[in-house]
Amino acid sequence: MVLKSKNWLILLFTVAACIVGFLKHAQVVLEKGELNEIKSAELALSEEFNAMGHNAEALATLIANTPIVMDEDKLNKDILEPYFEQAWSILKEQYNVKHFQFHSPQSSSVVRLHDPSIFGDDLSDFRHTVVKVNSDKVPVSGIESGVYGLSVRGVAPVFSKYGKHLGSIEIGLAIDKDFIDNFQQKHNVSLNLYNVNESGEVTLFIGSIPAYSEKIEKHNLKKYFQTKNGEFGHGLSKVYDYIGEQVGLAEVRINRAYYQSSLTQSYWLAAISIFIGVWMSIYLYRVEKKQLLNTELIKEKNTKLKRLLDEKEEMFDYLVEEQKMASLGKVVAGVAHELNTPLGVIITSTGAHSNGVNELESNFKSNKLSKKSLEKYLAHCKETSSLIQSNSRRMANIIDNFKMLVSEHSANTDSVVSVDDALNAVINTFKTQLEEQNINLIKDIPSNLYIHVSILEFTNIFSQFISNTLKHGKSVTKIEIIIEQQIDSLVIHYLDDGDGLLKLGENDDIFEPFYTTTRNASSLGLGLSIVYNVITHKLGGKIKLNENSDKGFGFEIHLPVKAQNDKELN
């Protein structure tokens, strides 16, 4: 639609309204991005705690089932402590285990490998995981707050080998600086963990953002807040122990530099868009006038151009048909040339046979017919009959090939075609010309190969190739036609050993209409263009020059046709 002169203002206001909407939407998207980043880090922290709990529980269960633990009638400090002393050292140093102790069925400490001097104290009032395991006799895990602060503990029941409940074993994994550093590096955030006591007082347990820890109480435990300068965004989430009571807080901090930069870029983009919108409105206003003046001129030029294109297309179609007729004429001429030799032999043989009959008749009438002359006549008859019979077969084969190429499939419809027979029919039409130019044609085709295709289009490919070699080839002594059968396609290689276009540097635009290197020899240059159209448009295949040969001229063709053997046809 052509804009009127006043519509550029409407365009300008529309652009401005769209930009305002874009900025608001961008701001909302960026805020959601910040929240999602914090929520993802909080979810990852929860998953880390769950994984640690699972590992601690698995390790506790494994130790509970060791023979040294199960062989005794009760948990014996004098036996367990020296036995697990080396294991405790390895677990502490290499696997970040912070607590390792055994409990009695009454939930009192029996052996503390992490602090051997303290044992016998009652844990039932505040160690809910231990009480739960000794009560239900199933392993559990979770976060608990103890003397050393927050840790992830796994507790498993201990039974003797006779099934007697001996108590429980506890493995506690440390939430320490290494844990914080690994989590921050893995998720590209900063992290603080806080203890929360029964009165609700919040104290820093461990973390990397002490400068902002005092903001927690001031913001009344909001889930999300920003620093005053907007440099960082903070998210708070509660940390619960095994029974669902809050024992801590997790503070996740992200750097908002990316989001601030993105929002700044959005503002700049909006400003540039407004400038471009103003400029485009003015430009369109000016162009509108010029378009109104040039519309009729453009219409007139388009009409002339369309007429010229139609004429060119009609001319090309005419020349293509002429080329097809010329190709058919070559086939007819080749067939006539091939028929001439056997027909001459038959005429000569029938003449000799007729002379023999006349001579036999004359001898018979004059009573001069002898056994020797009769035997001579019979031998002569055998020889001439053999010549007539063999050359008659040759003529019949030539005619059959011609019928297969022209008459039988003149409707140009698809049918099941023997690749070998179709190719032989083409080769036979050029047999004499190949012999006259001393060209040896070699074909390598899978036996009993059939395809569903238009035989006229399929054989026309090879007719054009061979004709092109005979007419334009220089120093050609050999032609190779290699056909490979693949799952859903046929690959055809056509090669001659002449000088070739690749050597002559004449391979540019070879498939374009009217391309020829022998314009003075009355060549229209439509042969390879017709082949290209048949392969790409009618048969849906691909063709390219063979660039792997150091010498000669050749093509590689891929036809998407389903090949069959004679067993599949039957």
Protein backbone atom coordinates (compact mmCIF):
# COMPACT_ATOMS: atom_id res chain seq x y z
CA MET A 1 0.00 0.00 0.00
CA VAL A 2 1.34 3.42 -0.97
CA LEU A 3 1.52 5.81 2.02
CA LYS A 4 -0.14 9.19 1.82
CA SER A 5 1.89 12.25 2.74
CA LYS A 6 0.41 12.54 6.27
CA ASN A 7 0.87 8.87 7.16
CA TRP A 8 4.54 9.24 8.05
CA LEU A 9 3.42 10.73 11.40
CA ILE A 10 1.28 7.68 12.07
CA LEU A 11 4.26 5.49 11.26
CA LEU A 12 6.47 7.47 13.65
CA PHE A 13 4.02 7.24 16.56
CA THR A 14 3.49 3.54 15.87
CA VAL A 15 7.23 2.91 16.01
CA ALA A 16 7.49 4.87 19.26
CA ALA A 17 4.61 2.92 20.85
CA CYS A 18 6.18 -0.39 19.81
CA ILE A 19 9.53 0.64 21.28
CA VAL A 20 7.98 1.63 24.62
CA GLY A 21 6.24 -1.74 24.75
CA PHE A 22 9.50 -3.45 23.83
CA LEU A 23 11.37 -1.69 26.67
CA LYS A 24 8.75 -2.66 29.24
CA HIS A 25 8.76 -6.23 28.02
CA ALA A 26 12.58 -6.34 28.03
CA GLN A 27 12.66 -5.11 31.62
CA VAL A 28 10.15 -7.76 32.72
CA VAL A 29 12.08 -10.48 30.87
CA LEU A 30 15.39 -9.44 32.45
CA GLU A 31 13.85 -9.36 35.94
CA LYS A 32 12.42 -12.83 35.39
CA GLY A 33 15.85 -13.92 34.15
CA GLU A 34 17.45 -12.73 37.40
CA LEU A 35 14.84 -14.51 39.51
CA ASN A 36 15.17 -17.69 37.46
CA GLU A 37 18.96 -17.61 37.87
CA ILE A 38 18.61 -17.30 41.64
CA LYS A 39 15.90 -19.97 41.79
CA SER A 40 18.08 -22.31 39.72
CA ALA A 41 20.97 -21.81 42.14
CA GLU A 42 18.65 -22.42 45.13
CA LEU A 43 17.32 -25.59 43.52
CA ALA A 44 20.88 -26.73 42.77
CA LEU A 45 21.83 -26.13 46.44
CA SER A 46 18.88 -28.24 47.58
CA GLU A 47 19.91 -31.01 45.19
CA GLU A 48 23.50 -30.82 46.49
CA PHE A 49 22.23 -31.26 50.07
CA ASN A 50 20.03 -34.20 48.99
CA ALA A 51 22.94 -35.86 47.20
CA MET A 52 25.21 -35.39 50.21
CA GLY A 53 22.51 -36.88 52.45
CA HIS A 54 22.13 -39.87 50.16
CA ASN A 55 25.90 -40.44 50.13
CA ALA A 56 26.14 -40.14 53.92
CA GLU A 57 23.24 -42.56 54.36
CA ALA A 58 24.80 -45.04 51.92
CA LEU A 59 28.18 -44.87 53.69
CA ALA A 60 26.54 -45.34 57.12
CA THR A 61 24.58 -48.35 55.83
CA LEU A 62 27.76 -49.86 54.37
CA ILE A 63 29.67 -49.51 57.67
CA ALA A 64 26.71 -50.86 59.64
CA ASN A 65 26.93 -54.09 57.64
CA THR A 66 30.66 -54.73 58.16
CA PRO A 67 31.50 -57.95 60.07
CA ILE A 68 33.38 -56.12 62.85
CA VAL A 69 30.17 -54.25 63.71
CA MET A 70 27.74 -57.15 63.32
CA ASP A 71 29.82 -59.88 65.04
CA GLU A 72 29.46 -58.41 68.54
CA ASP A 73 26.46 -58.57 70.84
CA LYS A 74 26.67 -54.81 71.43
CA LEU A 75 28.57 -51.78 70.15
CA ASN A 76 31.96 -51.96 71.89
CA LYS A 77 34.00 -48.75 72.03
CA ASP A 78 37.26 -50.63 72.72
CA ILE A 79 36.84 -52.68 69.52
CA LEU A 80 35.24 -50.16 67.14
CA GLU A 81 37.40 -47.14 67.90
CA PRO A 82 40.83 -48.66 67.02
CA TYR A 83 39.36 -50.64 64.12
CA PHE A 84 37.85 -47.59 62.36
CA GLU A 85 40.56 -45.11 63.37
CA GLN A 86 42.41 -45.37 60.02
CA ALA A 87 39.14 -45.37 58.04
CA TRP A 88 38.06 -42.21 59.89
CA SER A 89 41.34 -40.51 58.96
CA ILE A 90 40.82 -41.34 55.26
CA LEU A 91 37.15 -40.28 55.28
CA LYS A 92 38.00 -36.99 56.99
CA GLU A 93 40.89 -36.07 54.71
CA GLN A 94 39.64 -37.30 51.32
CA TYR A 95 35.84 -37.37 51.51
CA ASN A 96 35.04 -34.35 53.72
CA VAL A 97 33.40 -36.45 56.47
CA LYS A 98 32.94 -34.30 59.61
CA HIS A 99 31.16 -36.68 62.01
CA PHE A 100 31.56 -40.44 62.53
CA GLN A 101 29.95 -42.00 65.60
CA PHE A 102 27.97 -44.96 66.89
CA HIS A 103 24.88 -44.67 69.13
CA SER A 104 23.19 -47.03 71.51
CA PRO A 105 19.53 -48.04 70.97
CA GLN A 106 18.66 -45.35 73.56
CA SER A 107 20.29 -42.69 71.28
CA SER A 108 23.33 -42.01 73.48
CA SER A 109 26.80 -41.70 72.01
CA VAL A 110 28.91 -44.88 72.23
CA VAL A 111 31.91 -44.07 70.01
CA ARG A 112 32.83 -40.63 68.60
CA LEU A 113 35.65 -41.12 66.13
CA HIS A 114 35.67 -37.37 65.35
CA ASP A 115 36.06 -36.61 69.10
CA PRO A 116 36.95 -39.85 70.95
CA SER A 117 37.20 -38.19 74.37
CA ILE A 118 33.49 -37.40 74.48
CA PHE A 119 30.99 -40.29 74.65
CA GLY A 120 28.00 -41.47 76.61
CA ASP A 121 26.01 -38.22 76.27
CA ASP A 122 22.27 -38.44 75.55
CA LEU A 123 21.27 -37.19 72.08
CA SER A 124 17.58 -38.01 72.22
CA ASP A 125 16.42 -34.46 72.94
CA PHE A 126 17.83 -32.78 69.85
CA ARG A 127 19.19 -35.43 67.42
CA HIS A 128 15.95 -36.27 65.68
CA THR A 129 17.58 -38.40 62.96
CA VAL A 130 19.21 -40.68 65.54
CA VAL A 131 15.95 -41.09 67.51
CA LYS A 132 14.02 -41.82 64.29
CA VAL A 133 16.46 -44.50 63.13
CA ASN A 134 16.58 -46.26 66.52
CA SER A 135 12.78 -46.13 66.68
CA ASP A 136 11.88 -47.18 63.11
CA LYS A 137 15.09 -49.12 62.42
CA VAL A 138 15.39 -47.70 58.89
CA PRO A 139 18.14 -45.40 57.53
CA VAL A 140 17.43 -41.66 57.16
CA SER A 141 19.35 -38.54 56.10
CA GLY A 142 19.01 -34.76 56.25
CA ILE A 143 20.45 -31.46 57.45
CA GLU A 144 20.88 -31.00 61.19
CA SER A 145 22.29 -28.22 63.32
CA GLY A 146 24.73 -29.33 65.98
CA VAL A 147 27.60 -28.07 68.03
CA TYR A 148 29.64 -27.54 64.89
CA GLY A 149 26.85 -25.81 63.02
CA LEU A 150 25.03 -27.09 59.92
CA SER A 151 26.00 -30.43 58.40
CA VAL A 152 24.41 -33.14 56.30
CA ARG A 153 24.01 -36.38 58.22
CA GLY A 154 23.15 -39.93 57.24
CA VAL A 155 22.11 -42.36 59.98
CA ALA A 156 21.62 -46.13 59.58
CA PRO A 157 20.49 -48.82 62.07
CA VAL A 158 23.01 -51.43 63.27
CA PHE A 159 22.04 -55.06 63.74
CA SER A 160 24.06 -58.05 64.88
CA LYS A 161 24.44 -60.98 62.56
CA TYR A 162 21.64 -62.65 64.54
CA GLY A 163 19.26 -59.72 63.92
CA LYS A 164 19.55 -58.01 67.29
CA HIS A 165 19.27 -54.21 67.18
CA LEU A 166 22.56 -52.82 68.48
CA GLY A 167 21.94 -49.10 67.88
CA SER A 168 22.85 -46.80 64.98
CA ILE A 169 25.78 -45.28 63.09
CA GLU A 170 26.01 -41.64 61.98
CA ILE A 171 28.05 -40.13 59.14
CA GLY A 172 28.10 -36.32 58.89
CA LEU A 173 29.38 -34.53 55.78
CA ALA A 174 30.84 -31.06 56.29
CA ILE A 175 29.30 -27.92 54.85
CA ASP A 176 32.53 -25.95 54.84
CA LYS A 177 34.56 -23.48 52.78
CA ASP A 178 35.44 -26.15 50.18
CA PHE A 179 31.74 -26.88 49.69
CA ILE A 180 30.96 -23.16 49.31
CA ASP A 181 33.85 -22.60 46.87
CA ASN A 182 32.93 -25.60 44.70
CA PHE A 183 29.27 -24.60 44.58
CA GLN A 184 30.09 -20.99 43.66
CA GLN A 185 32.50 -22.03 40.90
CA LYS A 186 30.05 -24.58 39.51
CA HIS A 187 27.03 -22.25 39.40
CA ASN A 188 28.72 -18.83 39.03
CA VAL A 189 27.03 -17.33 42.11
CA SER A 190 28.06 -16.27 45.61
CA LEU A 191 26.66 -18.14 48.60
CA ASN A 192 26.17 -17.55 52.34
CA LEU A 193 24.69 -20.04 54.82
CA TYR A 194 23.24 -18.82 58.14
CA ASN A 195 22.25 -20.52 61.37
CA VAL A 196 18.80 -19.66 62.73
CA ASN A 197 18.26 -20.48 66.40
CA GLU A 198 15.00 -21.18 68.17
CA SER A 199 14.44 -17.50 68.92
CA GLY A 200 14.83 -16.62 65.22
CA GLU A 201 18.23 -14.96 65.54
CA VAL A 202 20.24 -15.15 62.32
CA THR A 203 24.02 -15.59 62.45
CA LEU A 204 26.43 -16.19 59.62
CA PHE A 205 27.59 -19.81 59.50
CA ILE A 206 29.81 -19.78 56.41
CA GLY A 207 29.94 -17.90 53.11
CA SER A 208 31.66 -15.44 50.82
CA ILE A 209 29.51 -12.27 51.01
CA PRO A 210 29.96 -10.85 54.52
CA ALA A 211 29.50 -7.27 53.26
CA TYR A 212 25.79 -7.89 52.72
CA SER A 213 24.95 -10.36 55.48
CA GLU A 214 23.54 -7.61 57.75
CA LYS A 215 20.88 -6.84 55.10
CA ILE A 216 18.97 -10.02 55.90
CA GLU A 217 17.19 -8.87 59.06
CA LYS A 218 16.67 -5.36 57.67
CA HIS A 219 14.81 -6.75 54.66
CA ASN A 220 12.70 -8.97 56.90
CA LEU A 221 13.66 -12.16 55.07
CA LYS A 222 12.43 -11.04 51.66
CA LYS A 223 12.98 -13.69 48.98
CA TYR A 224 14.68 -11.23 46.63
CA PHE A 225 16.35 -7.84 46.98
CA GLN A 226 19.03 -5.74 45.33
CA THR A 227 21.91 -3.74 46.71
CA LYS A 228 21.53 0.03 46.67
CA ASN A 229 23.68 0.51 43.61
CA GLY A 230 21.91 -2.36 41.83
CA GLU A 231 25.19 -4.20 41.25
CA PHE A 232 24.05 -7.46 42.86
CA GLY A 233 20.81 -9.34 43.32
CA HIS A 234 20.19 -11.46 46.44
CA GLY A 235 17.83 -14.37 46.97
CA LEU A 236 16.95 -15.91 50.33
CA SER A 237 15.60 -19.39 50.95
CA LYS A 238 14.98 -21.28 54.18
CA VAL A 239 16.99 -24.38 55.09
CA TYR A 240 15.02 -27.11 56.89
CA ASP A 241 16.24 -30.03 58.96
CA TYR A 242 15.03 -33.63 58.85
CA ILE A 243 11.73 -32.99 60.67
CA GLY A 244 10.91 -29.85 58.69
CA GLU A 245 11.99 -27.21 61.18
CA GLN A 246 13.96 -24.21 59.96
CA VAL A 247 17.59 -24.42 61.00
CA GLY A 248 19.16 -21.96 58.60
CA LEU A 249 19.02 -19.62 55.65
CA ALA A 250 20.71 -19.76 52.26
CA GLU A 251 21.62 -16.43 50.64
CA VAL A 252 22.42 -16.59 46.90
CA ARG A 253 23.95 -13.53 45.26
CA ILE A 254 24.23 -12.99 41.50
CA ASN A 255 26.10 -10.32 39.60
CA ARG A 256 23.57 -8.14 37.78
CA ALA A 257 26.17 -6.71 35.37
CA TYR A 258 24.89 -8.82 32.48
CA TYR A 259 21.26 -7.83 33.10
CA GLN A 260 22.14 -4.16 33.58
CA SER A 261 24.20 -4.24 30.39
CA SER A 262 21.35 -5.92 28.50
CA LEU A 263 18.88 -3.30 29.72
CA THR A 264 21.26 -0.49 28.74
CA GLN A 265 21.66 -2.02 25.31
CA SER A 266 17.87 -2.17 25.03
CA TYR A 267 17.65 1.57 25.76
CA TRP A 268 20.29 2.31 23.14
CA LEU A 269 18.54 0.05 20.66
CA ALA A 270 15.28 1.87 21.35
CA ALA A 271 16.92 5.26 20.78
CA ILE A 272 18.50 4.08 17.54
CA SER A 273 15.20 2.55 16.44
CA ILE A 274 13.38 5.84 17.03
CA PHE A 275 16.01 7.69 15.02
CA ILE A 276 15.74 5.14 12.22
CA GLY A 277 11.94 5.33 12.41
CA VAL A 278 12.04 9.12 11.95
CA TRP A 279 14.50 8.86 9.11
CA MET A 280 12.50 6.08 7.42
CA SER A 281 9.27 8.10 7.74
CA ILE A 282 10.86 11.06 5.97
CA TYR A 283 12.52 8.81 3.42
CA LEU A 284 9.25 6.98 2.66
CA TYR A 285 7.47 10.29 2.25
CA ARG A 286 10.00 11.37 -0.37
CA VAL A 287 10.13 8.00 -2.07
CA GLU A 288 6.33 7.97 -2.30
CA LYS A 289 6.33 10.92 -4.67
CA LYS A 290 8.98 9.37 -6.87
CA GLN A 291 7.13 6.05 -6.95
CA LEU A 292 3.93 7.73 -8.09
CA LEU A 293 5.81 9.29 -10.99
CA ASN A 294 7.57 6.06 -11.96
CA THR A 295 4.68 3.59 -11.57
CA GLU A 296 3.52 3.79 -15.16
CA LEU A 297 7.07 3.61 -16.47
CA ILE A 298 7.72 0.53 -14.37
CA LYS A 299 4.52 -1.12 -15.58
CA GLU A 300 5.52 -0.46 -19.19
CA LYS A 301 9.02 -1.88 -18.67
CA ASN A 302 7.60 -4.93 -16.90
CA THR A 303 5.24 -5.55 -19.81
CA LYS A 304 8.10 -5.37 -22.31
CA LEU A 305 10.30 -7.57 -20.15
CA LYS A 306 7.56 -10.18 -19.79
CA ARG A 307 7.04 -10.20 -23.55
CA LEU A 308 10.78 -10.67 -24.14
CA LEU A 309 10.94 -13.49 -21.58
CA ASP A 310 7.94 -15.21 -23.16
CA GLU A 311 9.57 -14.94 -26.59
CA LYS A 312 12.86 -16.28 -25.24
CA GLU A 313 11.08 -19.19 -23.57
CA GLU A 314 9.17 -19.99 -26.77
CA MET A 315 12.41 -19.83 -28.75
CA PHE A 316 14.18 -22.10 -26.28
CA ASP A 317 11.30 -24.62 -26.36
CA TYR A 318 11.43 -24.55 -30.16
CA LEU A 319 15.19 -25.12 -30.21
CA VAL A 320 14.89 -27.91 -27.65
CA GLU A 321 12.35 -29.65 -29.85
CA GLU A 322 14.63 -29.09 -32.83
CA GLN A 323 17.49 -30.64 -30.88
CA LYS A 324 15.29 -33.60 -29.95
CA MET A 325 14.34 -34.08 -33.58
CA ALA A 326 17.99 -33.82 -34.54
CA SER A 327 18.82 -36.49 -31.97
CA LEU A 328 16.04 -38.67 -33.36
CA GLY A 329 17.42 -38.05 -36.85
CA LYS A 330 20.84 -39.24 -35.69
CA VAL A 331 19.25 -42.39 -34.29
CA VAL A 332 17.38 -43.00 -37.57
CA ALA A 333 20.55 -42.36 -39.58
CA GLY A 334 22.49 -44.70 -37.33
CA VAL A 335 19.86 -47.41 -37.69
CA ALA A 336 19.85 -46.99 -41.48
CA HIS A 337 23.64 -47.18 -41.52
CA GLU A 338 23.59 -50.33 -39.40
CA LEU A 339 20.90 -51.93 -41.57
CA ASN A 340 22.83 -51.23 -44.78
CA THR A 341 25.56 -53.84 -44.19
CA PRO A 342 23.39 -56.89 -43.31
CA LEU A 343 20.90 -55.90 -46.01
CA GLY A 344 23.72 -55.85 -48.62
CA VAL A 345 24.89 -59.27 -47.47
CA ILE A 346 21.33 -60.65 -47.76
CA ILE A 347 20.88 -59.19 -51.27
CA THR A 348 24.22 -60.63 -52.41
CA SER A 349 23.46 -64.02 -50.85
CA THR A 350 19.97 -64.21 -52.41
CA GLY A 351 21.49 -63.30 -55.82
CA ALA A 352 24.09 -66.04 -55.49
CA HIS A 353 21.39 -68.45 -54.36
CA SER A 354 19.23 -67.53 -57.37
CA ASN A 355 22.16 -68.12 -59.74
CA GLY A 356 22.74 -71.51 -58.18
CA VAL A 357 19.08 -72.45 -58.71
CA ASN A 358 19.24 -71.40 -62.38
CA GLU A 359 22.41 -73.42 -62.92
CA LEU A 360 20.85 -76.48 -61.24
CA GLU A 361 17.69 -76.13 -63.36
CA SER A 362 19.75 -75.86 -66.60
CA ASN A 363 21.78 -78.98 -65.77
CA PHE A 364 18.66 -80.86 -64.88
CA LYS A 365 16.89 -80.00 -68.18
CA SER A 366 19.95 -80.88 -70.25
CA ASN A 367 20.48 -84.13 -68.36
CA LYS A 368 23.89 -82.89 -67.20
CA LEU A 369 23.01 -82.97 -63.46
CA SER A 370 25.58 -85.01 -61.63
CA LYS A 371 26.04 -86.04 -58.05
CA LYS A 372 29.05 -83.74 -57.69
CA SER A 373 27.21 -80.68 -59.04
CA LEU A 374 24.24 -81.42 -56.74
CA GLU A 375 26.51 -81.69 -53.70
CA LYS A 376 28.17 -78.43 -54.71
CA TYR A 377 24.77 -76.77 -54.99
CA LEU A 378 23.64 -78.03 -51.59
CA ALA A 379 26.84 -76.74 -49.93
CA HIS A 380 26.32 -73.39 -51.63
CA CYS A 381 22.71 -73.31 -50.37
CA LYS A 382 23.84 -73.97 -46.79
CA GLU A 383 26.39 -71.17 -46.95
CA THR A 384 23.99 -68.59 -48.43
CA SER A 385 21.17 -69.65 -46.09
CA SER A 386 23.48 -69.24 -43.10
CA LEU A 387 24.50 -65.76 -44.25
CA ILE A 388 20.88 -64.76 -44.89
CA GLN A 389 19.77 -66.12 -41.49
CA SER A 390 22.53 -64.46 -39.41
CA ASN A 391 22.18 -61.09 -41.12
CA SER A 392 18.38 -61.27 -40.84
CA ARG A 393 18.77 -61.74 -37.07
CA ARG A 394 21.12 -58.79 -36.95
CA MET A 395 18.59 -56.63 -38.78
CA ALA A 396 15.83 -57.83 -36.44
CA ASN A 397 17.93 -56.87 -33.38
CA ILE A 398 18.63 -53.43 -34.84
CA ILE A 399 14.94 -52.89 -35.54
CA ASP A 400 13.98 -54.10 -32.03
CA ASN A 401 16.43 -51.65 -30.47
CA PHE A 402 15.06 -48.85 -32.62
CA LYS A 403 11.49 -49.76 -31.65
CA MET A 404 12.44 -49.77 -27.95
CA LEU A 405 14.01 -46.31 -28.27
CA VAL A 406 11.31 -44.68 -30.38
CA SER A 407 8.11 -46.52 -31.19
CA GLU A 408 7.15 -48.66 -28.22
CA HIS A 409 7.60 -45.92 -25.62
CA SER A 410 6.63 -42.88 -27.66
CA ALA A 411 4.17 -41.86 -24.92
CA ASN A 412 7.17 -41.12 -22.65
CA THR A 413 5.59 -42.86 -19.64
CA ASP A 414 7.42 -44.61 -16.80
CA SER A 415 7.87 -48.37 -17.01
CA VAL A 416 10.13 -51.12 -15.70
CA VAL A 417 13.29 -50.96 -17.83
CA SER A 418 16.26 -53.31 -18.08
CA VAL A 419 19.27 -51.03 -17.65
CA ASP A 420 21.53 -53.35 -19.67
CA ASP A 421 19.06 -53.68 -22.58
CA ALA A 422 18.37 -49.93 -22.69
CA LEU A 423 22.07 -49.09 -22.72
CA ASN A 424 22.80 -51.73 -25.38
CA ALA A 425 20.07 -50.23 -27.55
CA VAL A 426 21.77 -46.83 -27.37
CA ILE A 427 25.25 -48.25 -27.98
CA ASN A 428 24.09 -50.21 -31.04
CA THR A 429 22.83 -47.03 -32.70
CA PHE A 430 26.34 -45.59 -32.45
CA LYS A 431 28.21 -48.84 -33.12
CA THR A 432 29.42 -47.96 -36.61
CA GLN A 433 30.49 -44.43 -35.63
CA LEU A 434 32.41 -45.78 -32.64
CA GLU A 435 34.19 -48.30 -34.87
CA GLU A 436 34.99 -45.67 -37.50
CA GLN A 437 36.64 -43.44 -34.83
CA ASN A 438 38.39 -46.43 -33.18
CA ILE A 439 36.70 -45.80 -29.83
CA ASN A 440 36.35 -48.73 -27.44
CA LEU A 441 33.20 -48.47 -25.27
CA ILE A 442 33.38 -50.32 -21.93
CA LYS A 443 30.39 -50.71 -19.64
CA ASP A 444 30.24 -52.00 -16.08
CA ILE A 445 26.65 -52.66 -15.01
CA PRO A 446 25.21 -54.97 -12.32
CA SER A 447 23.56 -57.99 -13.95
CA ASN A 448 19.76 -58.27 -14.10
CA LEU A 449 19.25 -54.66 -12.99
CA TYR A 450 15.84 -53.07 -13.60
CA ILE A 451 14.55 -49.58 -12.79
CA HIS A 452 11.18 -47.84 -13.01
CA VAL A 453 11.72 -44.84 -15.30
CA SER A 454 10.81 -43.28 -18.65
CA ILE A 455 13.01 -45.13 -21.14
CA LEU A 456 13.08 -42.17 -23.54
CA GLU A 457 14.41 -39.86 -20.85
CA PHE A 458 16.83 -42.48 -19.50
CA THR A 459 18.32 -43.44 -22.87
CA ASN A 460 18.41 -39.81 -24.03
CA ILE A 461 21.05 -39.16 -21.33
CA PHE A 462 23.47 -41.69 -22.82
CA SER A 463 22.63 -40.72 -26.41
CA GLN A 464 23.58 -37.10 -25.68
CA PHE A 465 26.79 -38.13 -23.86
CA ILE A 466 28.01 -40.46 -26.61
CA SER A 467 27.02 -38.00 -29.33
CA ASN A 468 28.87 -35.24 -27.48
CA THR A 469 32.04 -37.38 -27.27
CA LEU A 470 31.85 -38.37 -30.94
CA LYS A 471 31.34 -34.80 -32.09
CA HIS A 472 33.51 -32.78 -29.68
CA GLY A 473 35.96 -35.29 -28.19
CA LYS A 474 39.63 -34.91 -29.04
CA SER A 475 42.02 -37.88 -29.00
CA VAL A 476 39.35 -40.16 -27.52
CA THR A 477 40.16 -43.90 -27.58
CA LYS A 478 37.97 -45.17 -24.77
CA ILE A 479 34.56 -44.50 -23.21
CA GLU A 480 33.60 -45.98 -19.83
CA ILE A 481 30.04 -46.23 -18.52
CA ILE A 482 29.87 -47.44 -14.91
CA ILE A 483 26.55 -47.87 -13.11
CA GLU A 484 26.39 -48.55 -9.36
CA GLN A 485 23.28 -49.73 -7.54
CA GLN A 486 22.55 -48.16 -4.16
CA ILE A 487 19.61 -48.54 -1.75
CA ASP A 488 17.38 -45.85 -3.22
CA SER A 489 19.39 -44.44 -6.10
CA LEU A 490 21.44 -45.21 -9.17
CA VAL A 491 24.93 -43.71 -9.57
CA ILE A 492 26.15 -43.34 -13.16
CA HIS A 493 29.72 -42.48 -14.18
CA TYR A 494 30.42 -41.52 -17.78
CA LEU A 495 34.09 -40.98 -18.73
CA ASP A 496 36.15 -40.63 -21.90
CA ASP A 497 39.92 -40.33 -22.15
CA GLY A 498 40.06 -37.29 -24.44
CA ASP A 499 41.49 -33.87 -23.68
CA GLY A 500 38.37 -32.87 -21.78
CA LEU A 501 37.02 -29.49 -20.69
CA LEU A 502 38.84 -29.59 -17.38
CA LYS A 503 42.15 -29.55 -19.17
CA LEU A 504 41.02 -26.91 -21.60
CA GLY A 505 39.53 -24.71 -18.91
CA GLU A 506 36.12 -24.64 -20.58
CA ASN A 507 33.92 -26.12 -17.84
CA ASP A 508 32.18 -22.89 -16.74
CA ASP A 509 28.41 -22.79 -17.43
CA ILE A 510 28.58 -26.06 -19.37
CA PHE A 511 24.94 -26.88 -18.59
CA GLU A 512 23.66 -23.47 -19.68
CA PRO A 513 21.55 -23.37 -22.87
CA PHE A 514 23.46 -22.57 -26.10
CA TYR A 515 26.84 -23.32 -24.52
CA THR A 516 29.13 -24.87 -27.14
CA THR A 517 32.81 -24.95 -28.04
CA THR A 518 32.10 -25.55 -31.75
CA ARG A 519 29.79 -22.73 -32.72
CA ASN A 520 31.25 -22.66 -36.24
CA ALA A 521 30.38 -26.36 -36.70
CA SER A 522 26.62 -25.66 -36.59
CA SER A 523 26.30 -26.83 -32.96
CA LEU A 524 23.42 -25.23 -31.02
CA GLY A 525 24.84 -26.08 -27.59
CA LEU A 526 21.60 -27.56 -26.22
CA GLY A 527 22.66 -31.20 -25.71
CA LEU A 528 24.01 -30.98 -22.16
CA SER A 529 21.34 -28.42 -21.23
CA ILE A 530 18.68 -30.97 -22.21
CA VAL A 531 20.48 -33.67 -20.22
CA TYR A 532 20.64 -31.35 -17.19
CA ASN A 533 16.90 -30.58 -17.40
CA VAL A 534 15.99 -34.26 -17.82
CA ILE A 535 18.11 -35.35 -14.85
CA THR A 536 17.30 -32.52 -12.42
CA HIS A 537 13.71 -31.61 -13.30
CA LYS A 538 12.14 -34.72 -14.81
CA LEU A 539 14.03 -37.47 -12.98
CA GLY A 540 14.73 -35.45 -9.80
CA GLY A 541 18.45 -36.30 -9.79
CA LYS A 542 21.80 -34.52 -9.70
CA ILE A 543 24.61 -34.21 -12.25
CA LYS A 544 28.10 -32.79 -11.94
CA LEU A 545 31.34 -32.80 -13.86
CA ASN A 546 33.71 -35.55 -12.81
CA GLU A 547 36.61 -33.69 -11.24
CA ASN A 548 38.52 -36.77 -10.04
CA SER A 549 39.95 -37.65 -13.41
CA ASP A 550 43.29 -36.19 -14.44
CA LYS A 551 42.40 -36.60 -18.11
CA GLY A 552 39.22 -36.83 -20.09
CA PHE A 553 35.69 -35.60 -19.94
CA GLY A 554 33.07 -37.14 -17.70
CA PHE A 555 30.01 -36.82 -15.51
CA GLU A 556 28.70 -38.24 -12.26
CA ILE A 557 24.93 -38.66 -12.04
CA HIS A 558 22.71 -39.59 -9.08
CA LEU A 559 19.16 -40.70 -9.98
CA PRO A 560 16.64 -41.25 -7.14
CA VAL A 561 15.13 -44.38 -8.67
CA LYS A 562 14.50 -47.69 -6.98
CA ALA A 563 16.57 -50.43 -8.57
CA GLN A 564 15.28 -54.01 -8.72
CA ASN A 565 16.69 -57.35 -9.83
CA ASP A 566 14.87 -59.94 -11.85
CA LYS A 567 13.98 -61.96 -8.71
CA GLU A 568 12.17 -58.96 -7.19
CA LEU A 569 10.30 -58.42 -10.46
CA ASN A 570 9.18 -62.04 -10.52
